[in-house]
Amino acid sequence: MSRIAVVVKGYPRLSETFIAQEILGLERLGIPILIVALRKPYDPFIHELHRQISAEVLYLPEYVKDDPARVARARRWAQQQPTYAAAKALFDADFAREPNAGRQRRWAQGMVLAHELPEDITWIHTHFLHTPCSAARYGAHLAGLKWSFSAHAKDIWTSPEWDLRTKLDDAAWGVTCTGVNAQHLKSLCRDPDKVELVYHGLDFSGFPLPDPAPQTRDGSGDPVRLVSVGRAVPKKGYGDLLNALALLPKDLSWHFTHVGGGDLAESLKAQAEALGLCDRITWRGAQPRETVIETLRRSDLFVLPSKITPDGDRDGLPNVLMEAQSMGLCCLSTRVSAIPELIVEGETGRMVAPNAPEDLARVMAELIAAPADRDRLGRAGSAHVRAAFACDPGIEMLRAKFAPFVADR
């Protein structure tokens, strides 16, 4: 039986459970997969999902200097292939627009990918339209294979328009996980019909249903347990959240827990100290999924103040919001990207404008003091996300796309 090669930036990654969920779901539906990663994992943990995936993993050299002999072998092989001239022309055109070491690295990775691709691979699918897609595209052309993509967030909104147009027109087809993304990509594509909206959704089997007991903490006694899960990176807006926490009324009783690693972790801790918040915040760092679920289960309010960064980076449809909502946890977030596709303001959660700590503090204070409102919004959010954002339809759609290429040959 043939296999599909799925190209990702790194594997496994704690922040990309949606990719692991998709791969596992496809395997369970009979689609054999080879995972191709541009770099080895950096995270200290893996999810239980990763342990259930049986796919072999091919790691490409992250940098040419990591294995120059391997890259040289791939280059010699590539130069002998009838596909080389056309593939090299694609790289040359891209390099003329982006003449840097990163683009050269993707060409090297593409040659290694094509050289080492097992003979049973009949299709290449790449997650993300930026660096993984560049390597996958070059590799696909060298190997004489067609390719497709799944586009998400940063890869769309921080990539140059010329690069997106080039890849969109070259791909056989692609999917993306939000309506906002789909509208944007279709506007850049010669054939808009090749881009489809597929919410990656969640497999809810691992997430408990809402606690039947109503919430009671109201900020007057036991601290209301605020929580957020996400990498400490600019687009998550945690600096705004800390400023908002400092604006909460002094007589409100609350405690905030953050789960996640990230480059800004230490600077956020310093900001919290400067704001006098240290005794009311717990920094958990990166944690396995099981710990995340238990932390959410014990919490009262989930807060994610996403924002758009100066370079255009932003969240798409954050998995953590869907996870929290599925468990009946009231969610407060911002009107950014596809979050309004998930949260119905005042019905299944609350939203404020991004970059607005004062508004965030005001709504947080309202929710901290109103357990009945948190309970109502949380239960409505759980019913909505479980009905509209299950992962099965999207995985089944991909299975149907890949099935013709993995039949017995």
Protein backbone atom coordinates (compact mmCIF):
# COMPACT_ATOMS: atom_id res chain seq x y z
CA MET A 1 0.00 0.00 0.00
CA SER A 2 1.28 3.48 -0.83
CA ARG A 3 1.77 6.32 1.65
CA ILE A 4 1.25 10.08 1.84
CA ALA A 5 4.21 12.21 2.97
CA VAL A 6 3.12 14.90 5.44
CA VAL A 7 5.69 17.70 5.78
CA VAL A 8 5.81 19.73 9.00
CA LYS A 9 8.24 22.23 10.49
CA GLY A 10 8.98 20.21 13.62
CA TYR A 11 7.67 16.99 15.11
CA PRO A 12 6.38 16.38 17.68
CA ARG A 13 5.37 19.81 18.97
CA LEU A 14 3.21 20.58 22.02
CA SER A 15 1.66 23.60 20.31
CA GLU A 16 0.50 21.64 17.25
CA THR A 17 -1.88 19.05 18.67
CA PHE A 18 -4.21 19.72 15.74
CA ILE A 19 -1.60 18.26 13.37
CA ALA A 20 -1.06 15.19 15.54
CA GLN A 21 -4.82 14.76 15.85
CA GLU A 22 -5.20 14.91 12.06
CA ILE A 23 -2.40 12.43 11.39
CA LEU A 24 -3.76 9.98 13.95
CA GLY A 25 -7.27 10.36 12.56
CA LEU A 26 -6.09 9.66 9.01
CA GLU A 27 -4.15 6.61 10.16
CA ARG A 28 -7.27 5.27 11.86
CA LEU A 29 -9.17 5.74 8.59
CA GLY A 30 -6.61 3.68 6.69
CA ILE A 31 -4.33 6.38 5.23
CA PRO A 32 -0.67 5.34 5.72
CA ILE A 33 1.59 8.32 6.39
CA LEU A 34 5.26 9.25 6.43
CA ILE A 35 5.96 12.31 8.58
CA VAL A 36 8.71 14.56 7.22
CA ALA A 37 10.02 17.18 9.66
CA LEU A 38 12.35 20.09 8.97
CA ARG A 39 13.70 19.88 12.52
CA LYS A 40 13.73 17.62 15.55
CA PRO A 41 11.60 18.39 18.62
CA TYR A 42 12.61 21.02 21.15
CA ASP A 43 9.70 20.59 23.59
CA PRO A 44 10.30 18.84 26.93
CA PHE A 45 7.15 16.69 26.67
CA ILE A 46 5.04 14.94 24.07
CA HIS A 47 1.30 14.43 24.06
CA GLU A 48 -0.38 11.05 24.40
CA LEU A 49 -1.59 11.63 20.83
CA HIS A 50 2.00 11.38 19.59
CA ARG A 51 2.45 8.01 21.32
CA GLN A 52 -0.53 6.64 19.41
CA ILE A 53 0.77 7.66 15.98
CA SER A 54 2.56 4.82 14.18
CA ALA A 55 3.93 6.81 11.22
CA GLU A 56 7.66 6.70 10.52
CA VAL A 57 9.40 10.09 10.80
CA LEU A 58 12.03 11.35 8.34
CA TYR A 59 14.01 14.27 9.76
CA LEU A 60 15.60 16.57 7.20
CA PRO A 61 18.75 18.51 8.14
CA GLU A 62 17.59 21.72 9.84
CA TYR A 63 20.65 23.53 8.49
CA VAL A 64 23.03 22.54 5.67
CA LYS A 65 25.90 22.72 8.15
CA ASP A 66 24.21 19.99 10.22
CA ASP A 67 25.00 17.36 7.57
CA PRO A 68 26.79 18.80 4.52
CA ALA A 69 27.65 15.31 3.19
CA ARG A 70 23.99 14.34 3.20
CA VAL A 71 23.04 17.51 1.34
CA ALA A 72 25.88 16.98 -1.16
CA ARG A 73 24.68 13.43 -1.91
CA ALA A 74 21.17 14.73 -2.48
CA ARG A 75 22.44 17.48 -4.76
CA ARG A 76 24.44 15.05 -6.91
CA TRP A 77 21.40 12.79 -7.18
CA ALA A 78 19.07 15.69 -8.00
CA GLN A 79 21.31 16.99 -10.78
CA GLN A 80 20.97 13.65 -12.55
CA GLN A 81 17.16 13.67 -12.52
CA PRO A 82 15.09 14.68 -15.56
CA THR A 83 13.05 16.92 -13.24
CA TYR A 84 16.05 18.93 -12.04
CA ALA A 85 16.08 21.78 -14.55
CA ALA A 86 12.41 22.65 -14.04
CA ALA A 87 12.63 22.36 -10.24
CA LYS A 88 15.82 24.44 -10.13
CA ALA A 89 14.10 27.11 -12.22
CA LEU A 90 11.37 27.36 -9.58
CA PHE A 91 13.98 27.84 -6.86
CA ASP A 92 15.92 30.37 -8.96
CA ALA A 93 12.78 32.45 -9.48
CA ASP A 94 12.04 32.42 -5.75
CA PHE A 95 15.65 33.17 -4.84
CA ALA A 96 15.67 36.17 -7.17
CA ARG A 97 12.87 37.64 -5.05
CA GLU A 98 14.23 36.44 -1.71
CA PRO A 99 18.02 36.05 -1.99
CA ASN A 100 18.85 34.80 1.50
CA ALA A 101 20.23 31.77 3.32
CA GLY A 102 16.77 30.66 4.41
CA ARG A 103 15.64 30.20 0.82
CA GLN A 104 18.82 28.26 0.00
CA ARG A 105 18.20 26.06 3.02
CA ARG A 106 14.71 25.16 1.77
CA TRP A 107 16.18 24.19 -1.60
CA ALA A 108 18.70 21.95 0.15
CA GLN A 109 15.95 20.40 2.28
CA GLY A 110 13.83 19.88 -0.82
CA MET A 111 16.67 18.00 -2.53
CA VAL A 112 17.21 15.79 0.54
CA LEU A 113 13.46 15.16 0.74
CA ALA A 114 13.23 14.07 -2.90
CA HIS A 115 16.42 11.97 -2.68
CA GLU A 116 15.37 10.11 0.47
CA LEU A 117 11.66 9.83 -0.23
CA PRO A 118 10.66 6.14 -0.12
CA GLU A 119 9.35 4.67 -3.34
CA ASP A 120 5.90 4.06 -1.86
CA ILE A 121 5.18 7.80 -1.44
CA THR A 122 2.59 8.93 -3.99
CA TRP A 123 1.60 12.39 -2.72
CA ILE A 124 3.12 15.19 -0.62
CA HIS A 125 1.01 17.25 1.77
CA THR A 126 2.51 20.12 3.74
CA HIS A 127 1.31 21.86 6.87
CA PHE A 128 1.93 25.62 6.74
CA LEU A 129 2.52 27.72 3.63
CA HIS A 130 5.84 29.23 4.67
CA THR A 131 9.10 27.30 5.19
CA PRO A 132 7.73 23.72 5.22
CA CYS A 133 5.84 24.44 2.02
CA SER A 134 8.94 25.77 0.25
CA ALA A 135 10.91 22.60 0.98
CA ALA A 136 7.91 20.39 0.17
CA ARG A 137 7.26 22.15 -3.13
CA TYR A 138 10.86 21.84 -4.33
CA GLY A 139 10.96 18.22 -3.20
CA ALA A 140 7.67 17.40 -4.92
CA HIS A 141 8.84 18.80 -8.25
CA LEU A 142 12.16 16.94 -8.03
CA ALA A 143 10.33 13.71 -7.16
CA GLY A 144 7.75 14.19 -9.91
CA LEU A 145 4.84 14.23 -7.44
CA LYS A 146 1.86 16.51 -6.92
CA TRP A 147 1.38 18.28 -3.62
CA SER A 148 -1.23 19.96 -1.44
CA PHE A 149 -1.26 22.08 1.70
CA SER A 150 -2.96 22.90 4.97
CA ALA A 151 -2.62 26.61 5.83
CA HIS A 152 -3.10 27.90 9.36
CA ALA A 153 -2.12 31.35 10.68
CA LYS A 154 1.43 32.70 10.87
CA ASP A 155 2.28 31.03 7.57
CA ILE A 156 -0.46 33.01 5.84
CA TRP A 157 -0.20 36.39 7.47
CA THR A 158 3.58 36.81 7.61
CA SER A 159 4.41 35.46 4.14
CA PRO A 160 4.99 37.87 1.22
CA GLU A 161 2.06 38.03 -1.16
CA TRP A 162 4.20 36.94 -4.12
CA ASP A 163 5.25 33.81 -2.24
CA LEU A 164 1.66 32.91 -1.36
CA ARG A 165 0.48 33.46 -4.95
CA THR A 166 3.30 31.31 -6.32
CA LYS A 167 2.52 28.41 -3.99
CA LEU A 168 -1.24 28.65 -4.29
CA ASP A 169 -1.09 28.50 -8.07
CA ASP A 170 1.40 25.61 -8.00
CA ALA A 171 -0.44 23.40 -5.49
CA ALA A 172 -2.98 20.82 -6.63
CA TRP A 173 -5.34 21.91 -3.84
CA GLY A 174 -5.30 23.18 -0.29
CA VAL A 175 -7.32 23.58 2.87
CA THR A 176 -7.29 26.17 5.62
CA CYS A 177 -8.82 26.19 9.07
CA THR A 178 -10.77 29.47 9.24
CA GLY A 179 -13.18 31.42 7.10
CA VAL A 180 -10.98 34.52 7.36
CA ASN A 181 -8.02 32.54 6.01
CA ALA A 182 -10.06 30.98 3.21
CA GLN A 183 -11.35 34.34 1.99
CA HIS A 184 -7.84 35.80 1.94
CA LEU A 185 -6.21 32.86 0.16
CA LYS A 186 -8.98 32.62 -2.42
CA SER A 187 -8.42 36.28 -3.26
CA LEU A 188 -4.77 35.51 -4.10
CA CYS A 189 -5.38 32.37 -6.14
CA ARG A 190 -5.99 32.10 -9.89
CA ASP A 191 -8.35 29.21 -9.17
CA PRO A 192 -10.14 30.09 -5.90
CA ASP A 193 -12.00 26.77 -5.90
CA LYS A 194 -8.80 24.89 -5.10
CA VAL A 195 -8.82 26.40 -1.57
CA GLU A 196 -11.37 24.93 0.84
CA LEU A 197 -12.38 25.77 4.40
CA VAL A 198 -11.87 22.82 6.75
CA TYR A 199 -12.06 23.53 10.48
CA HIS A 200 -9.47 21.27 12.08
CA GLY A 201 -11.76 20.94 15.10
CA LEU A 202 -11.17 18.66 18.06
CA ASP A 203 -11.43 15.04 19.01
CA PHE A 204 -13.52 15.57 22.15
CA SER A 205 -13.09 12.04 23.46
CA GLY A 206 -10.23 13.12 25.71
CA PHE A 207 -12.03 16.11 27.22
CA PRO A 208 -14.51 15.72 30.07
CA LEU A 209 -18.00 17.15 29.83
CA PRO A 210 -18.83 20.22 31.92
CA ASP A 211 -19.05 19.67 35.66
CA PRO A 212 -22.74 19.42 36.58
CA ALA A 213 -22.12 21.44 39.74
CA PRO A 214 -22.63 25.19 39.17
CA GLN A 215 -19.80 27.65 39.72
CA THR A 216 -19.90 29.50 43.02
CA ARG A 217 -16.64 31.48 43.42
CA ASP A 218 -17.42 35.18 43.03
CA GLY A 219 -14.19 36.92 43.99
CA SER A 220 -15.25 37.64 47.55
CA GLY A 221 -13.70 34.58 49.22
CA ASP A 222 -11.79 31.77 47.59
CA PRO A 223 -9.84 33.13 44.62
CA VAL A 224 -11.52 32.80 41.23
CA ARG A 225 -9.15 30.65 39.18
CA LEU A 226 -8.13 32.36 35.98
CA VAL A 227 -6.13 30.36 33.44
CA SER A 228 -4.53 30.66 30.03
CA VAL A 229 -2.71 28.11 27.91
CA GLY A 230 -0.44 29.29 25.14
CA ARG A 231 3.11 30.02 24.14
CA ALA A 232 4.64 33.17 25.58
CA VAL A 233 4.90 34.93 22.21
CA PRO A 234 3.72 38.41 21.16
CA LYS A 235 0.56 37.35 19.31
CA LYS A 236 -0.93 35.81 22.47
CA GLY A 237 -1.16 39.23 24.11
CA TYR A 238 0.00 38.17 27.57
CA GLY A 239 1.58 41.55 28.23
CA ASP A 240 -1.88 43.08 27.80
CA LEU A 241 -3.31 40.46 30.14
CA LEU A 242 -0.83 41.30 32.88
CA ASN A 243 -1.65 44.99 32.53
CA ALA A 244 -5.35 44.13 32.74
CA LEU A 245 -4.83 42.03 35.88
CA ALA A 246 -3.12 44.99 37.50
CA LEU A 247 -6.23 47.09 36.79
CA LEU A 248 -8.68 44.72 38.52
CA PRO A 249 -10.38 46.08 41.66
CA LYS A 250 -8.20 45.48 44.70
CA ASP A 251 -11.00 43.80 46.64
CA LEU A 252 -11.50 41.03 44.03
CA SER A 253 -10.02 37.65 44.96
CA TRP A 254 -8.39 35.84 42.01
CA HIS A 255 -5.37 33.77 41.01
CA PHE A 256 -3.99 33.40 37.49
CA THR A 257 -2.19 30.32 36.12
CA HIS A 258 -0.30 30.33 32.83
CA VAL A 259 0.65 27.09 31.05
CA GLY A 260 3.13 27.22 28.18
CA GLY A 261 6.72 27.89 27.23
CA GLY A 262 7.95 30.58 24.87
CA ASP A 263 10.57 33.23 24.29
CA LEU A 264 8.78 35.90 26.33
CA ALA A 265 8.37 33.79 29.49
CA GLU A 266 11.08 35.53 31.51
CA SER A 267 10.13 39.04 30.40
CA LEU A 268 6.50 38.36 31.34
CA LYS A 269 7.57 37.23 34.80
CA ALA A 270 9.59 40.43 35.15
CA GLN A 271 6.55 42.47 34.06
CA ALA A 272 4.38 40.66 36.62
CA GLU A 273 6.91 41.45 39.34
CA ALA A 274 7.02 45.11 38.36
CA LEU A 275 3.21 45.23 38.54
CA GLY A 276 3.19 43.61 41.98
CA LEU A 277 1.34 40.51 40.78
CA CYS A 278 3.81 37.75 41.59
CA ASP A 279 1.92 36.34 44.59
CA ARG A 280 -1.24 35.97 42.47
CA ILE A 281 0.29 34.22 39.45
CA THR A 282 1.58 30.69 38.89
CA TRP A 283 3.80 30.06 35.87
CA ARG A 284 3.61 26.37 34.94
CA GLY A 285 5.74 26.38 31.79
CA ALA A 286 5.22 23.78 29.05
CA GLN A 287 3.13 20.81 30.19
CA PRO A 288 1.79 17.60 28.64
CA ARG A 289 -1.79 17.57 27.48
CA GLU A 290 -3.00 15.53 30.43
CA THR A 291 -1.76 18.22 32.84
CA VAL A 292 -3.34 20.93 30.72
CA ILE A 293 -6.73 19.20 30.85
CA GLU A 294 -6.54 18.80 34.62
CA THR A 295 -5.59 22.48 35.00
CA LEU A 296 -8.55 23.54 32.88
CA ARG A 297 -10.87 21.27 34.84
CA ARG A 298 -9.98 23.06 38.08
CA SER A 299 -10.35 26.58 36.64
CA ASP A 300 -13.20 29.10 36.50
CA LEU A 301 -12.34 31.43 33.60
CA PHE A 302 -10.09 31.06 30.54
CA VAL A 303 -8.51 34.22 29.14
CA LEU A 304 -6.67 34.54 25.81
CA PRO A 305 -6.08 38.17 24.69
CA SER A 306 -4.82 37.41 21.17
CA LYS A 307 -3.56 40.29 19.02
CA ILE A 308 -2.03 41.01 15.62
CA THR A 309 1.70 41.72 15.81
CA PRO A 310 3.48 44.38 13.71
CA ASP A 311 4.71 41.71 11.26
CA GLY A 312 1.16 40.44 10.72
CA ASP A 313 1.40 37.31 12.85
CA ARG A 314 -1.81 36.27 14.57
CA ASP A 315 -3.73 33.28 15.87
CA GLY A 316 -6.02 31.39 13.55
CA LEU A 317 -8.56 29.39 15.51
CA PRO A 318 -6.76 28.59 18.78
CA ASN A 319 -7.14 24.98 19.82
CA VAL A 320 -6.87 25.98 23.45
CA LEU A 321 -10.09 27.98 23.22
CA MET A 322 -11.94 24.99 21.78
CA GLU A 323 -10.46 22.72 24.44
CA ALA A 324 -11.47 25.04 27.27
CA GLN A 325 -14.95 25.56 25.86
CA SER A 326 -15.50 21.84 25.35
CA MET A 327 -15.11 21.36 29.11
CA GLY A 328 -17.63 24.11 29.93
CA LEU A 329 -15.02 26.67 30.95
CA CYS A 330 -16.14 30.23 30.25
CA CYS A 331 -13.79 31.90 27.74
CA LEU A 332 -12.82 35.54 27.36
CA SER A 333 -10.84 36.42 24.24
CA THR A 334 -10.45 39.10 21.57
CA ARG A 335 -11.98 39.89 18.19
CA VAL A 336 -8.98 38.71 16.17
CA SER A 337 -8.80 36.47 13.12
CA ALA A 338 -11.23 33.54 13.41
CA ILE A 339 -12.00 33.80 17.12
CA PRO A 340 -15.39 35.42 16.31
CA GLU A 341 -16.12 32.31 14.22
CA LEU A 342 -15.91 30.31 17.45
CA ILE A 343 -17.19 32.62 20.20
CA VAL A 344 -20.61 34.25 19.93
CA GLU A 345 -20.30 37.38 22.07
CA GLY A 346 -22.53 37.21 25.12
CA GLU A 347 -23.93 33.81 24.16
CA THR A 348 -21.05 31.30 24.17
CA GLY A 349 -18.31 33.48 25.66
CA ARG A 350 -17.06 37.06 25.84
CA MET A 351 -14.82 39.09 23.54
CA VAL A 352 -13.15 42.48 23.69
CA ALA A 353 -11.03 44.44 21.24
CA PRO A 354 -7.36 43.46 21.01
CA ASN A 355 -4.70 45.71 22.55
CA ALA A 356 -7.22 47.03 25.08
CA PRO A 357 -6.17 46.13 28.66
CA GLU A 358 -8.80 48.44 30.17
CA ASP A 359 -11.64 46.67 28.34
CA LEU A 360 -10.12 43.29 29.20
CA ALA A 361 -9.96 44.23 32.88
CA ARG A 362 -13.55 45.48 32.88
CA VAL A 363 -14.98 42.27 31.42
CA MET A 364 -12.74 40.09 33.58
CA ALA A 365 -13.99 41.89 36.67
CA GLU A 366 -17.60 41.37 35.56
CA LEU A 367 -17.04 37.64 35.01
CA ILE A 368 -15.03 37.12 38.19
CA ALA A 369 -17.94 38.53 40.21
CA ALA A 370 -20.66 36.64 38.31
CA PRO A 371 -20.37 32.83 38.66
CA ALA A 372 -23.86 32.35 37.19
CA ASP A 373 -22.84 34.18 34.01
CA ARG A 374 -19.62 32.14 33.76
CA ASP A 375 -21.65 28.97 34.22
CA ARG A 376 -24.19 29.93 31.55
CA LEU A 377 -21.58 30.99 29.00
CA GLY A 378 -19.41 27.97 29.69
CA ARG A 379 -22.20 25.45 29.19
CA ALA A 380 -23.43 27.20 26.04
CA GLY A 381 -19.86 27.29 24.72
CA SER A 382 -19.44 23.58 25.33
CA ALA A 383 -22.65 22.70 23.49
CA HIS A 384 -21.71 24.97 20.57
CA VAL A 385 -18.12 23.81 20.10
CA ARG A 386 -19.00 20.13 20.43
CA ALA A 387 -21.74 20.50 17.79
CA ALA A 388 -19.89 22.69 15.28
CA PHE A 389 -16.17 22.03 15.71
CA ALA A 390 -15.66 18.27 15.88
CA CYS A 391 -12.61 17.09 13.95
CA ASP A 392 -14.27 14.14 12.20
CA PRO A 393 -15.73 15.99 9.16
CA GLY A 394 -12.41 17.61 8.28
CA ILE A 395 -10.42 14.41 8.67
CA GLU A 396 -12.95 12.51 6.57
CA MET A 397 -12.68 15.16 3.84
CA LEU A 398 -8.89 14.73 3.78
CA ARG A 399 -9.24 10.95 3.77
CA ALA A 400 -11.38 11.18 0.65
CA LYS A 401 -8.75 13.42 -1.01
CA PHE A 402 -5.86 11.06 -0.21
CA ALA A 403 -7.60 7.71 -0.66
CA PRO A 404 -7.04 7.40 -4.45
CA PHE A 405 -3.29 7.73 -3.92
CA VAL A 406 -2.88 5.03 -1.28
CA ALA A 407 -4.84 2.22 -2.91
CA ASP A 408 -2.96 -1.07 -3.35
CA ARG A 409 -0.57 -0.73 -6.25
